[in-house]
């Protein structure tokens, strides 16, 4: 970064690198993300990849970290695709088991909140989480890592062919009268020869920032169909980084539809 250029470093003060019951690698991942983000700050138009996207307005806004999902947030059924699917609901980046419908999951399919897995099964996550979405020269991915807390994990075992999609409903909402910021992480891992369909619906009301990172691992001969529908508030900011690891003869078929928001990238 040239001299005399001030770094834009919002969202740093609320970072908590170490949490109770953390595995050492989890704290290290957050610290690495924080260090890399501090080194560069928010990307500016001086960065080639962000030449046509100016985040200065975002840096000047006041966002409240979403420590918990706001109460009384309803699922906007009218804005969701009508499909027969397993449903996982996330509000302001936090998995909501009470609003989700994961009944009847077949053998070989695991769908679980990231926060719960970080507490109970960190060894399952360690080889994957943060290993696909690199943080070098990607400050928003680094910022997401610094805030690593919750989101969703999907594991499909070897040879499992799902006959129903997994519908991830991500809802954004302000924190009272304040705009909210949240940094969810999605991890999807398909074993060799498995087949799955993931549908993401991003909806919301009011002002908020969603800075999400998705990591997909598609095993040998596996097939992942991925649909992302982003239909958010006209006051919302939606920033996302999706990274893939494709093994031999695997297939990833992705489709994205974007509507609404102040800025979506």
C-alpha atoms as a PDB file:
ATOM      1  CA  UNK A   1       0.000   0.000   0.000  1.00  0.00           C
ATOM      2  CA  UNK A   2       1.457   3.427  -0.954  1.00  0.00           C
ATOM      3  CA  UNK A   3       2.505   5.807   1.760  1.00  0.00           C
ATOM      4  CA  UNK A   4       0.083   8.528   2.832  1.00  0.00           C
ATOM      5  CA  UNK A   5      -2.869   6.242   2.158  1.00  0.00           C
ATOM      6  CA  UNK A   6      -4.927   5.727   5.296  1.00  0.00           C
ATOM      7  CA  UNK A   7      -6.038   2.163   5.905  1.00  0.00           C
ATOM      8  CA  UNK A   8      -9.742   1.574   6.432  1.00  0.00           C
ATOM      9  CA  UNK A   9      -9.968  -0.725   9.466  1.00  0.00           C
ATOM     10  CA  UNK A  10     -13.570  -1.045  10.642  1.00  0.00           C
ATOM     11  CA  UNK A  11     -14.831  -4.160  12.464  1.00  0.00           C
ATOM     12  CA  UNK A  12     -11.576  -4.675  14.398  1.00  0.00           C
ATOM     13  CA  UNK A  13     -12.508  -3.543  17.909  1.00  0.00           C
ATOM     14  CA  UNK A  14     -15.109  -6.280  18.390  1.00  0.00           C
ATOM     15  CA  UNK A  15     -12.823  -9.168  17.385  1.00  0.00           C
ATOM     16  CA  UNK A  16     -12.321 -11.782  20.119  1.00  0.00           C
ATOM     17  CA  UNK A  17      -9.452 -14.003  19.068  1.00  0.00           C
ATOM     18  CA  UNK A  18      -9.690 -16.426  22.006  1.00  0.00           C
ATOM     19  CA  UNK A  19     -12.988 -17.881  23.180  1.00  0.00           C
ATOM     20  CA  UNK A  20     -13.795 -20.254  26.046  1.00  0.00           C
ATOM     21  CA  UNK A  21     -13.166 -23.897  25.092  1.00  0.00           C
ATOM     22  CA  UNK A  22     -11.375 -22.947  21.865  1.00  0.00           C
ATOM     23  CA  UNK A  23      -9.080 -25.445  20.240  1.00  0.00           C
ATOM     24  CA  UNK A  24      -5.634 -23.855  19.772  1.00  0.00           C
ATOM     25  CA  UNK A  25      -5.926 -23.927  15.986  1.00  0.00           C
ATOM     26  CA  UNK A  26      -9.213 -21.977  16.119  1.00  0.00           C
ATOM     27  CA  UNK A  27      -7.640 -19.083  18.010  1.00  0.00           C
ATOM     28  CA  UNK A  28      -4.657 -19.216  15.653  1.00  0.00           C
ATOM     29  CA  UNK A  29      -6.978 -18.988  12.631  1.00  0.00           C
ATOM     30  CA  UNK A  30      -8.700 -15.914  14.067  1.00  0.00           C
ATOM     31  CA  UNK A  31      -5.379 -14.283  14.934  1.00  0.00           C
ATOM     32  CA  UNK A  32      -4.029 -14.914  11.441  1.00  0.00           C
ATOM     33  CA  UNK A  33      -7.164 -13.395   9.925  1.00  0.00           C
ATOM     34  CA  UNK A  34      -6.929 -10.356  12.185  1.00  0.00           C
ATOM     35  CA  UNK A  35      -3.240  -9.824  11.411  1.00  0.00           C
ATOM     36  CA  UNK A  36      -3.792 -10.034   7.664  1.00  0.00           C
ATOM     37  CA  UNK A  37      -6.785  -7.696   7.792  1.00  0.00           C
ATOM     38  CA  UNK A  38      -4.871  -5.150   9.865  1.00  0.00           C
ATOM     39  CA  UNK A  39      -2.046  -5.288   7.356  1.00  0.00           C
ATOM     40  CA  UNK A  40      -4.242  -4.245   4.432  1.00  0.00           C
ATOM     41  CA  UNK A  41      -7.533  -2.873   5.775  1.00  0.00           C
ATOM     42  CA  UNK A  42     -10.650  -2.804   3.635  1.00  0.00           C
ATOM     43  CA  UNK A  43      -9.857  -3.016  -0.070  1.00  0.00           C
ATOM     44  CA  UNK A  44      -9.993   0.266  -1.966  1.00  0.00           C
ATOM     45  CA  UNK A  45     -10.209   1.098  -5.685  1.00  0.00           C
ATOM     46  CA  UNK A  46      -6.395   1.248  -5.607  1.00  0.00           C
ATOM     47  CA  UNK A  47      -6.540  -2.553  -5.352  1.00  0.00           C
ATOM     48  CA  UNK A  48      -6.902  -3.976  -8.850  1.00  0.00           C
ATOM     49  CA  UNK A  49      -9.530  -6.558  -7.883  1.00  0.00           C
ATOM     50  CA  UNK A  50     -11.617  -3.790  -6.282  1.00  0.00           C
ATOM     51  CA  UNK A  51     -10.985  -1.120  -8.893  1.00  0.00           C
ATOM     52  CA  UNK A  52     -14.687  -0.619  -9.564  1.00  0.00           C
ATOM     53  CA  UNK A  53     -15.994  -1.207  -6.031  1.00  0.00           C
ATOM     54  CA  UNK A  54     -15.628   1.524  -3.405  1.00  0.00           C
ATOM     55  CA  UNK A  55     -16.177   0.463   0.206  1.00  0.00           C
ATOM     56  CA  UNK A  56     -15.387   3.854   1.762  1.00  0.00           C
ATOM     57  CA  UNK A  57     -19.060   4.493   2.500  1.00  0.00           C
ATOM     58  CA  UNK A  58     -19.246   1.146   4.272  1.00  0.00           C
ATOM     59  CA  UNK A  59     -16.223   2.043   6.394  1.00  0.00           C
ATOM     60  CA  UNK A  60     -17.901   5.255   7.522  1.00  0.00           C
ATOM     61  CA  UNK A  61     -21.060   3.582   8.817  1.00  0.00           C
ATOM     62  CA  UNK A  62     -21.698   2.475  12.384  1.00  0.00           C
ATOM     63  CA  UNK A  63     -22.408  -1.243  12.623  1.00  0.00           C
ATOM     64  CA  UNK A  64     -23.214  -3.106  15.819  1.00  0.00           C
ATOM     65  CA  UNK A  65     -21.693  -6.594  16.031  1.00  0.00           C
ATOM     66  CA  UNK A  66     -24.501  -9.136  16.076  1.00  0.00           C
ATOM     67  CA  UNK A  67     -23.712 -10.986  19.306  1.00  0.00           C
ATOM     68  CA  UNK A  68     -27.046 -12.824  19.156  1.00  0.00           C
ATOM     69  CA  UNK A  69     -29.908 -13.159  16.717  1.00  0.00           C
ATOM     70  CA  UNK A  70     -32.454 -10.344  17.194  1.00  0.00           C
ATOM     71  CA  UNK A  71     -35.697 -11.473  18.778  1.00  0.00           C
ATOM     72  CA  UNK A  72     -38.918 -11.639  16.812  1.00  0.00           C
ATOM     73  CA  UNK A  73     -37.364 -12.109  13.371  1.00  0.00           C
ATOM     74  CA  UNK A  74     -39.811 -14.048  11.207  1.00  0.00           C
ATOM     75  CA  UNK A  75     -38.980 -16.263   8.261  1.00  0.00           C
ATOM     76  CA  UNK A  76     -40.159 -14.362   5.149  1.00  0.00           C
ATOM     77  CA  UNK A  77     -41.825 -17.307   3.445  1.00  0.00           C
ATOM     78  CA  UNK A  78     -43.154 -15.131   0.594  1.00  0.00           C
ATOM     79  CA  UNK A  79     -39.576 -14.384  -0.475  1.00  0.00           C
ATOM     80  CA  UNK A  80     -38.340 -17.979  -0.423  1.00  0.00           C
ATOM     81  CA  UNK A  81     -38.390 -20.549  -3.181  1.00  0.00           C
ATOM     82  CA  UNK A  82     -40.991 -23.235  -2.551  1.00  0.00           C
ATOM     83  CA  UNK A  83     -39.092 -26.507  -2.488  1.00  0.00           C
ATOM     84  CA  UNK A  84     -39.255 -29.749  -0.557  1.00  0.00           C
ATOM     85  CA  UNK A  85     -35.946 -29.587   1.265  1.00  0.00           C
ATOM     86  CA  UNK A  86     -34.118 -29.918   4.530  1.00  0.00           C
ATOM     87  CA  UNK A  87     -34.070 -26.370   5.899  1.00  0.00           C
ATOM     88  CA  UNK A  88     -31.326 -24.738   7.958  1.00  0.00           C
ATOM     89  CA  UNK A  89     -32.088 -21.212   9.184  1.00  0.00           C
ATOM     90  CA  UNK A  90     -29.425 -18.647  10.024  1.00  0.00           C
ATOM     91  CA  UNK A  91     -30.211 -15.207  11.479  1.00  0.00           C
ATOM     92  CA  UNK A  92     -27.450 -12.605  11.473  1.00  0.00           C
ATOM     93  CA  UNK A  93     -24.908 -15.326  10.905  1.00  0.00           C
ATOM     94  CA  UNK A  94     -26.100 -17.563  13.745  1.00  0.00           C
ATOM     95  CA  UNK A  95     -27.611 -20.985  13.208  1.00  0.00           C
ATOM     96  CA  UNK A  96     -31.157 -21.291  14.585  1.00  0.00           C
ATOM     97  CA  UNK A  97     -31.910 -24.913  15.366  1.00  0.00           C
ATOM     98  CA  UNK A  98     -35.414 -24.081  16.630  1.00  0.00           C
ATOM     99  CA  UNK A  99     -36.403 -22.506  13.290  1.00  0.00           C
ATOM    100  CA  UNK A 100     -34.746 -25.142  11.128  1.00  0.00           C
ATOM    101  CA  UNK A 101     -36.341 -28.326   9.811  1.00  0.00           C
ATOM    102  CA  UNK A 102     -33.731 -31.055   9.709  1.00  0.00           C
ATOM    103  CA  UNK A 103     -35.994 -33.930  10.619  1.00  0.00           C
ATOM    104  CA  UNK A 104     -35.469 -37.158   8.732  1.00  0.00           C
ATOM    105  CA  UNK A 105     -31.866 -36.549   7.722  1.00  0.00           C
ATOM    106  CA  UNK A 106     -30.656 -39.695   5.964  1.00  0.00           C
ATOM    107  CA  UNK A 107     -27.731 -41.740   7.185  1.00  0.00           C
ATOM    108  CA  UNK A 108     -24.522 -40.173   5.950  1.00  0.00           C
ATOM    109  CA  UNK A 109     -25.704 -36.552   6.049  1.00  0.00           C
ATOM    110  CA  UNK A 110     -24.675 -34.205   8.854  1.00  0.00           C
ATOM    111  CA  UNK A 111     -25.986 -30.628   9.048  1.00  0.00           C
ATOM    112  CA  UNK A 112     -24.912 -28.697  12.126  1.00  0.00           C
ATOM    113  CA  UNK A 113     -24.210 -25.185  13.320  1.00  0.00           C
ATOM    114  CA  UNK A 114     -20.562 -24.170  13.130  1.00  0.00           C
ATOM    115  CA  UNK A 115     -20.453 -22.842  16.700  1.00  0.00           C
ATOM    116  CA  UNK A 116     -21.634 -26.184  18.043  1.00  0.00           C
ATOM    117  CA  UNK A 117     -19.088 -28.105  15.992  1.00  0.00           C
ATOM    118  CA  UNK A 118     -16.279 -25.794  17.103  1.00  0.00           C
ATOM    119  CA  UNK A 119     -17.153 -26.690  20.689  1.00  0.00           C
ATOM    120  CA  UNK A 120     -17.844 -30.399  20.306  1.00  0.00           C
ATOM    121  CA  UNK A 121     -16.026 -31.623  17.181  1.00  0.00           C
ATOM    122  CA  UNK A 122     -13.122 -29.288  16.394  1.00  0.00           C
ATOM    123  CA  UNK A 123     -10.967 -32.170  15.153  1.00  0.00           C
ATOM    124  CA  UNK A 124     -13.478 -32.815  12.350  1.00  0.00           C
ATOM    125  CA  UNK A 125     -13.185 -29.205  11.200  1.00  0.00           C
ATOM    126  CA  UNK A 126      -9.441 -28.662  11.540  1.00  0.00           C
ATOM    127  CA  UNK A 127      -8.368 -30.230   8.200  1.00  0.00           C
ATOM    128  CA  UNK A 128     -10.925 -28.143   6.272  1.00  0.00           C
ATOM    129  CA  UNK A 129     -11.965 -24.922   7.957  1.00  0.00           C
ATOM    130  CA  UNK A 130      -9.880 -22.041   6.699  1.00  0.00           C
ATOM    131  CA  UNK A 131      -7.852 -24.354   4.454  1.00  0.00           C
ATOM    132  CA  UNK A 132      -9.813 -23.748   1.240  1.00  0.00           C
ATOM    133  CA  UNK A 133     -10.609 -20.028   1.484  1.00  0.00           C
ATOM    134  CA  UNK A 134      -7.143 -18.492   1.475  1.00  0.00           C
ATOM    135  CA  UNK A 135      -6.563 -15.192   3.276  1.00  0.00           C
ATOM    136  CA  UNK A 136      -3.577 -13.898   1.301  1.00  0.00           C
ATOM    137  CA  UNK A 137      -4.509 -10.625  -0.414  1.00  0.00           C
ATOM    138  CA  UNK A 138      -8.173 -11.184   0.443  1.00  0.00           C
ATOM    139  CA  UNK A 139      -8.863  -8.815   3.333  1.00  0.00           C
ATOM    140  CA  UNK A 140     -12.583  -9.551   3.636  1.00  0.00           C
ATOM    141  CA  UNK A 141     -11.902 -13.279   3.839  1.00  0.00           C
ATOM    142  CA  UNK A 142      -9.303 -12.495   6.496  1.00  0.00           C
ATOM    143  CA  UNK A 143     -11.862 -10.354   8.348  1.00  0.00           C
ATOM    144  CA  UNK A 144     -14.322 -13.241   8.268  1.00  0.00           C
ATOM    145  CA  UNK A 145     -11.662 -15.528   9.749  1.00  0.00           C
ATOM    146  CA  UNK A 146     -10.946 -12.994  12.506  1.00  0.00           C
ATOM    147  CA  UNK A 147     -14.632 -13.093  13.469  1.00  0.00           C
ATOM    148  CA  UNK A 148     -14.973 -16.887  13.119  1.00  0.00           C
ATOM    149  CA  UNK A 149     -17.879 -17.871  15.340  1.00  0.00           C
ATOM    150  CA  UNK A 150     -20.938 -19.420  13.718  1.00  0.00           C
ATOM    151  CA  UNK A 151     -22.519 -20.434  10.452  1.00  0.00           C
ATOM    152  CA  UNK A 152     -23.259 -23.889   9.074  1.00  0.00           C
ATOM    153  CA  UNK A 153     -21.460 -27.151   8.320  1.00  0.00           C
ATOM    154  CA  UNK A 154     -22.709 -29.780   5.869  1.00  0.00           C
ATOM    155  CA  UNK A 155     -20.993 -33.164   5.581  1.00  0.00           C
ATOM    156  CA  UNK A 156     -22.105 -35.756   3.015  1.00  0.00           C
ATOM    157  CA  UNK A 157     -20.404 -39.115   3.388  1.00  0.00           C
ATOM    158  CA  UNK A 158     -18.867 -41.166   0.601  1.00  0.00           C
ATOM    159  CA  UNK A 159     -21.390 -42.573  -1.879  1.00  0.00           C
ATOM    160  CA  UNK A 160     -24.450 -40.861  -0.376  1.00  0.00           C
ATOM    161  CA  UNK A 161     -26.901 -39.529  -2.991  1.00  0.00           C
ATOM    162  CA  UNK A 162     -29.354 -37.038  -1.508  1.00  0.00           C
ATOM    163  CA  UNK A 163     -32.856 -37.011  -2.971  1.00  0.00           C
ATOM    164  CA  UNK A 164     -33.739 -33.689  -1.294  1.00  0.00           C
ATOM    165  CA  UNK A 165     -31.810 -30.422  -1.416  1.00  0.00           C
ATOM    166  CA  UNK A 166     -30.491 -28.608   1.644  1.00  0.00           C
ATOM    167  CA  UNK A 167     -32.039 -25.149   1.797  1.00  0.00           C
ATOM    168  CA  UNK A 168     -29.968 -22.644   3.768  1.00  0.00           C
ATOM    169  CA  UNK A 169     -32.087 -19.617   4.683  1.00  0.00           C
ATOM    170  CA  UNK A 170     -29.918 -16.702   5.812  1.00  0.00           C
ATOM    171  CA  UNK A 171     -31.864 -13.772   7.266  1.00  0.00           C
ATOM    172  CA  UNK A 172     -30.347 -10.375   8.005  1.00  0.00           C
ATOM    173  CA  UNK A 173     -31.829  -7.854  10.431  1.00  0.00           C
ATOM    174  CA  UNK A 174     -30.728  -4.729  12.327  1.00  0.00           C
ATOM    175  CA  UNK A 175     -29.834  -4.864  16.024  1.00  0.00           C
ATOM    176  CA  UNK A 176     -32.595  -2.659  17.365  1.00  0.00           C
ATOM    177  CA  UNK A 177     -32.042   0.785  15.865  1.00  0.00           C
ATOM    178  CA  UNK A 178     -28.490  -0.009  14.760  1.00  0.00           C
ATOM    179  CA  UNK A 179     -27.235  -1.611  11.595  1.00  0.00           C
ATOM    180  CA  UNK A 180     -25.821  -5.074  12.292  1.00  0.00           C
ATOM    181  CA  UNK A 181     -22.644  -6.719  11.046  1.00  0.00           C
ATOM    182  CA  UNK A 182     -22.037 -10.458  10.899  1.00  0.00           C
ATOM    183  CA  UNK A 183     -19.460 -12.743   9.330  1.00  0.00           C
ATOM    184  CA  UNK A 184     -20.886 -16.257   8.800  1.00  0.00           C
ATOM    185  CA  UNK A 185     -18.894 -19.241   7.556  1.00  0.00           C
ATOM    186  CA  UNK A 186     -20.349 -22.059   5.437  1.00  0.00           C
ATOM    187  CA  UNK A 187     -18.414 -25.311   5.124  1.00  0.00           C
ATOM    188  CA  UNK A 188     -19.683 -28.029   2.767  1.00  0.00           C
ATOM    189  CA  UNK A 189     -17.811 -31.303   2.286  1.00  0.00           C
ATOM    190  CA  UNK A 190     -18.902 -34.048  -0.119  1.00  0.00           C
ATOM    191  CA  UNK A 191     -17.303 -37.469   0.084  1.00  0.00           C
ATOM    192  CA  UNK A 192     -16.251 -39.408  -2.990  1.00  0.00           C
ATOM    193  CA  UNK A 193     -19.113 -40.385  -5.283  1.00  0.00           C
ATOM    194  CA  UNK A 194     -21.754 -38.440  -3.361  1.00  0.00           C
ATOM    195  CA  UNK A 195     -24.384 -36.132  -4.872  1.00  0.00           C
ATOM    196  CA  UNK A 196     -25.972 -33.119  -3.169  1.00  0.00           C
ATOM    197  CA  UNK A 197     -27.848 -29.918  -3.935  1.00  0.00           C
ATOM    198  CA  UNK A 198     -27.393 -26.789  -1.826  1.00  0.00           C
ATOM    199  CA  UNK A 199     -29.801 -23.855  -2.142  1.00  0.00           C
ATOM    200  CA  UNK A 200     -28.913 -20.607  -0.382  1.00  0.00           C
ATOM    201  CA  UNK A 201     -31.569 -17.924   0.129  1.00  0.00           C
ATOM    202  CA  UNK A 202     -30.359 -14.579   1.485  1.00  0.00           C
ATOM    203  CA  UNK A 203     -33.155 -12.270   2.622  1.00  0.00           C
ATOM    204  CA  UNK A 204     -33.635  -9.542   5.200  1.00  0.00           C
ATOM    205  CA  UNK A 205     -34.959  -6.173   6.262  1.00  0.00           C
ATOM    206  CA  UNK A 206     -33.242  -2.966   7.312  1.00  0.00           C
ATOM    207  CA  UNK A 207     -29.552  -2.122   7.373  1.00  0.00           C
ATOM    208  CA  UNK A 208     -26.859  -4.751   7.927  1.00  0.00           C
ATOM    209  CA  UNK A 209     -23.581  -6.078   6.590  1.00  0.00           C
ATOM    210  CA  UNK A 210     -23.219  -9.751   5.747  1.00  0.00           C
ATOM    211  CA  UNK A 211     -19.576 -10.664   5.094  1.00  0.00           C
ATOM    212  CA  UNK A 212     -19.758 -14.384   4.400  1.00  0.00           C
ATOM    213  CA  UNK A 213     -17.245 -17.000   3.356  1.00  0.00           C
ATOM    214  CA  UNK A 214     -18.189 -20.372   1.861  1.00  0.00           C
ATOM    215  CA  UNK A 215     -15.769 -23.281   1.526  1.00  0.00           C
ATOM    216  CA  UNK A 216     -16.764 -26.250  -0.645  1.00  0.00           C
ATOM    217  CA  UNK A 217     -14.884 -29.536  -0.861  1.00  0.00           C
ATOM    218  CA  UNK A 218     -16.151 -31.844  -3.607  1.00  0.00           C
ATOM    219  CA  UNK A 219     -14.622 -35.304  -3.453  1.00  0.00           C
ATOM    220  CA  UNK A 220     -13.626 -37.541  -6.337  1.00  0.00           C
ATOM    221  CA  UNK A 221     -16.553 -38.382  -8.656  1.00  0.00           C
ATOM    222  CA  UNK A 222     -18.909 -36.322  -6.460  1.00  0.00           C
ATOM    223  CA  UNK A 223     -21.463 -33.825  -7.790  1.00  0.00           C
ATOM    224  CA  UNK A 224     -22.494 -30.596  -6.062  1.00  0.00           C
ATOM    225  CA  UNK A 225     -25.310 -28.436  -7.422  1.00  0.00           C
ATOM    226  CA  UNK A 226     -25.273 -24.999  -5.799  1.00  0.00           C
ATOM    227  CA  UNK A 227     -27.909 -22.288  -6.180  1.00  0.00           C
ATOM    228  CA  UNK A 228     -27.581 -18.923  -4.452  1.00  0.00           C
ATOM    229  CA  UNK A 229     -30.505 -16.490  -4.404  1.00  0.00           C
ATOM    230  CA  UNK A 230     -29.743 -13.117  -2.877  1.00  0.00           C
ATOM    231  CA  UNK A 231     -32.861 -10.954  -2.454  1.00  0.00           C
ATOM    232  CA  UNK A 232     -32.020  -8.611   0.389  1.00  0.00           C
ATOM    233  CA  UNK A 233     -32.987  -5.258   1.819  1.00  0.00           C
ATOM    234  CA  UNK A 234     -32.148  -2.155  -0.210  1.00  0.00           C
ATOM    235  CA  UNK A 235     -30.173  -1.005   2.850  1.00  0.00           C
ATOM    236  CA  UNK A 236     -28.068  -4.158   3.122  1.00  0.00           C
ATOM    237  CA  UNK A 237     -24.461  -4.832   2.170  1.00  0.00           C
ATOM    238  CA  UNK A 238     -23.718  -8.365   0.980  1.00  0.00           C
ATOM    239  CA  UNK A 239     -20.074  -9.359   0.586  1.00  0.00           C
ATOM    240  CA  UNK A 240     -19.202 -12.987  -0.050  1.00  0.00           C
ATOM    241  CA  UNK A 241     -16.270 -15.191  -0.977  1.00  0.00           C
ATOM    242  CA  UNK A 242     -16.923 -18.704  -2.289  1.00  0.00           C
ATOM    243  CA  UNK A 243     -13.944 -21.030  -2.715  1.00  0.00           C
ATOM    244  CA  UNK A 244     -13.858 -24.580  -4.063  1.00  0.00           C
ATOM    245  CA  UNK A 245     -11.614 -27.606  -3.803  1.00  0.00           C
ATOM    246  CA  UNK A 246     -12.500 -30.016  -6.602  1.00  0.00           C
ATOM    247  CA  UNK A 247     -11.001 -33.486  -6.578  1.00  0.00           C
ATOM    248  CA  UNK A 248     -10.600 -35.876  -9.522  1.00  0.00           C
ATOM    249  CA  UNK A 249     -13.623 -36.132 -11.849  1.00  0.00           C
ATOM    250  CA  UNK A 250     -15.803 -34.077  -9.493  1.00  0.00           C
ATOM    251  CA  UNK A 251     -18.490 -31.680 -10.726  1.00  0.00           C
ATOM    252  CA  UNK A 252     -19.598 -28.327  -9.352  1.00  0.00           C
ATOM    253  CA  UNK A 253     -22.587 -26.624 -10.994  1.00  0.00           C
ATOM    254  CA  UNK A 254     -23.297 -23.163  -9.586  1.00  0.00           C
ATOM    255  CA  UNK A 255     -25.939 -20.508 -10.260  1.00  0.00           C
ATOM    256  CA  UNK A 256     -26.333 -17.113  -8.568  1.00  0.00           C
ATOM    257  CA  UNK A 257     -29.237 -14.645  -8.739  1.00  0.00           C
ATOM    258  CA  UNK A 258     -28.784 -11.239  -7.099  1.00  0.00           C
ATOM    259  CA  UNK A 259     -31.375  -8.577  -6.332  1.00  0.00           C
ATOM    260  CA  UNK A 260     -31.624  -5.736  -3.833  1.00  0.00           C
ATOM    261  CA  UNK A 261     -28.944  -4.441  -1.433  1.00  0.00           C
ATOM    262  CA  UNK A 262     -26.885  -1.262  -1.521  1.00  0.00           C
ATOM    263  CA  UNK A 263     -23.890  -3.305  -2.585  1.00  0.00           C
ATOM    264  CA  UNK A 264     -23.514  -6.985  -3.401  1.00  0.00           C
ATOM    265  CA  UNK A 265     -20.264  -8.603  -4.377  1.00  0.00           C
END
